[in-house]
C-alpha atoms as a PDB file:
ATOM      1  CA  MET A   1      -0.236   0.096  -0.221  1.00  0.00           C
ATOM      2  CA  ILE A   2       3.012   1.935   0.336  1.00  0.00           C
ATOM      3  CA  ASP A   3       4.351   1.513  -2.717  1.00  0.00           C
ATOM      4  CA  ALA A   4       0.706   2.379  -4.198  1.00  0.00           C
ATOM      5  CA  GLY A   5       0.701   5.815  -2.752  1.00  0.00           C
ATOM      6  CA  ILE A   6      -2.473   4.885  -0.539  1.00  0.00           C
ATOM      7  CA  VAL A   7      -0.408   4.905   2.771  1.00  0.00           C
ATOM      8  CA  SER A   8       2.627   6.486   3.865  1.00  0.00           C
ATOM      9  CA  GLU A   9       5.325   5.138   6.913  1.00  0.00           C
ATOM     10  CA  VAL A  10       5.517   7.772   9.458  1.00  0.00           C
ATOM     11  CA  LYS A  11       8.115   7.538  12.596  1.00  0.00           C
ATOM     12  CA  SER A  12       6.181   6.876  16.207  1.00  0.00           C
ATOM     13  CA  GLY A  13       8.640   5.794  18.525  1.00  0.00           C
ATOM     14  CA  SER A  14      10.279   2.110  17.900  1.00  0.00           C
ATOM     15  CA  LYS A  15       7.343   1.191  16.112  1.00  0.00           C
ATOM     16  CA  PRO A  16       6.299   1.949  12.584  1.00  0.00           C
ATOM     17  CA  ALA A  17       3.115   3.811  12.209  1.00  0.00           C
ATOM     18  CA  PHE A  18       1.064   4.539   8.792  1.00  0.00           C
ATOM     19  CA  GLN A  19      -1.116   7.524   7.764  1.00  0.00           C
ATOM     20  CA  PRO A  20      -3.387   8.074   4.789  1.00  0.00           C
ATOM     21  CA  ALA A  21      -1.122   9.377   1.725  1.00  0.00           C
ATOM     22  CA  LEU A  22      -3.884  11.148   0.342  1.00  0.00           C
ATOM     23  CA  GLY A  23      -6.755  13.226   1.829  1.00  0.00           C
ATOM     24  CA  ILE A  24      -9.152  11.040   3.079  1.00  0.00           C
ATOM     25  CA  ASP A  25     -11.757  12.777   1.076  1.00  0.00           C
ATOM     26  CA  ASN A  26     -10.516  11.612  -2.031  1.00  0.00           C
ATOM     27  CA  ILE A  27      -9.470   7.809  -1.190  1.00  0.00           C
ATOM     28  CA  ASP A  28     -12.320   5.587  -2.152  1.00  0.00           C
ATOM     29  CA  ILE A  29     -12.515   1.801  -2.753  1.00  0.00           C
ATOM     30  CA  VAL A  30     -11.991   2.025  -6.420  1.00  0.00           C
ATOM     31  CA  LYS A  31      -8.795   4.201  -6.155  1.00  0.00           C
ATOM     32  CA  VAL A  32      -7.401   1.784  -3.580  1.00  0.00           C
ATOM     33  CA  ILE A  33      -7.898  -1.239  -5.925  1.00  0.00           C
ATOM     34  CA  ASN A  34      -6.577   0.461  -9.109  1.00  0.00           C
ATOM     35  CA  SER A  35      -3.440   2.352  -7.341  1.00  0.00           C
ATOM     36  CA  TYR A  36      -2.568  -1.480  -5.653  1.00  0.00           C
ATOM     37  CA  GLU A  37      -3.037  -3.040  -9.041  1.00  0.00           C
ATOM     38  CA  HIS A  38      -1.112  -1.149 -11.151  1.00  0.00           C
ATOM     39  CA  THR A  39       1.910  -0.446  -8.668  1.00  0.00           C
ATOM     40  CA  GLY A  40       5.050  -2.655 -10.140  1.00  0.00           C
ATOM     41  CA  SER A  41       3.147  -3.541 -13.198  1.00  0.00           C
ATOM     42  CA  ASP A  42       5.769  -3.286 -16.309  1.00  0.00           C
ATOM     43  CA  MET A  43       2.509  -3.855 -19.204  1.00  0.00           C
ATOM     44  CA  SER A  44       5.018  -2.271 -22.124  1.00  0.00           C
ATOM     45  CA  LYS A  45       5.989  -5.679 -23.189  1.00  0.00           C
ATOM     46  CA  TYR A  46       2.428  -6.746 -23.750  1.00  0.00           C
ATOM     47  CA  MET A  47       1.325  -3.485 -25.495  1.00  0.00           C
ATOM     48  CA  LYS A  48       2.112  -4.730 -29.096  1.00  0.00           C
ATOM     49  CA  HIS A  49      -0.420  -7.485 -28.630  1.00  0.00           C
ATOM     50  CA  LYS A  50      -3.569  -6.744 -30.404  1.00  0.00           C
ATOM     51  CA  ALA A  51      -5.231  -8.890 -27.339  1.00  0.00           C
ATOM     52  CA  TYR A  52      -3.574  -6.286 -25.105  1.00  0.00           C
ATOM     53  CA  HIS A  53      -5.620  -3.275 -26.360  1.00  0.00           C
ATOM     54  CA  SER A  54      -8.895  -5.463 -26.517  1.00  0.00           C
ATOM     55  CA  LEU A  55      -8.472  -5.958 -23.102  1.00  0.00           C
ATOM     56  CA  GLU A  56      -7.646  -2.764 -21.760  1.00  0.00           C
ATOM     57  CA  LYS A  57     -10.699  -1.584 -23.533  1.00  0.00           C
ATOM     58  CA  LYS A  58     -12.843  -3.715 -21.853  1.00  0.00           C
ATOM     59  CA  MET A  59     -10.953  -2.916 -18.323  1.00  0.00           C
ATOM     60  CA  MET A  60     -11.839   0.468 -18.889  1.00  0.00           C
ATOM     61  CA  ASN A  61     -15.483   0.023 -19.608  1.00  0.00           C
ATOM     62  CA  VAL A  62     -15.361  -1.866 -16.327  1.00  0.00           C
ATOM     63  CA  GLN A  63     -13.796   1.022 -14.468  1.00  0.00           C
ATOM     64  CA  LYS A  64     -15.886   3.341 -15.670  1.00  0.00           C
ATOM     65  CA  HIS A  65     -18.961   1.249 -14.152  1.00  0.00           C
ATOM     66  CA  GLN A  66     -16.940   0.953 -10.656  1.00  0.00           C
ATOM     67  CA  LEU A  67     -16.723   4.609 -10.520  1.00  0.00           C
ATOM     68  CA  THR A  68     -20.250   5.354 -10.687  1.00  0.00           C
ATOM     69  CA  SER A  69     -21.019   2.204  -8.408  1.00  0.00           C
ATOM     70  CA  GLU A  70     -23.006   3.358  -5.461  1.00  0.00           C
ATOM     71  CA  ASP A  71     -20.778   0.473  -3.556  1.00  0.00           C
ATOM     72  CA  ASN A  72     -17.886   2.932  -4.583  1.00  0.00           C
ATOM     73  CA  ILE A  73     -17.943   4.696  -1.198  1.00  0.00           C
ATOM     74  CA  LEU A  74     -15.013   6.567   0.667  1.00  0.00           C
ATOM     75  CA  LEU A  75     -13.374   4.652   2.996  1.00  0.00           C
ATOM     76  CA  LYS A  76     -13.747   7.030   5.516  1.00  0.00           C
ATOM     77  CA  ASP A  77     -17.469   6.256   5.301  1.00  0.00           C
ATOM     78  CA  PHE A  78     -17.031   2.276   5.768  1.00  0.00           C
ATOM     79  CA  GLU A  79     -17.947   2.546   9.456  1.00  0.00           C
ATOM     80  CA  ASN A  80     -21.011   4.160   8.640  1.00  0.00           C
ATOM     81  CA  GLU A  81     -21.919   1.179   6.377  1.00  0.00           C
ATOM     82  CA  LYS A  82     -21.877  -1.666   9.142  1.00  0.00           C
END
């Protein structure tokens, strides 16, 4: 999650502590999933394949639906959902 830019590590005595790396009003479920999934992936070796472009188009359409889903809530509001 640190590499994905969702949380950052801060010094807190002898134990590591973590805090949001973004404003909490900007962190929703889709942002967390997409940031995590795109961390460390070098897709350039696949970009020349026709199948990659077709799959990429499908994934973009799926992501549009995810972003507009009523279930894509801010993480700070998750406690209120229980």
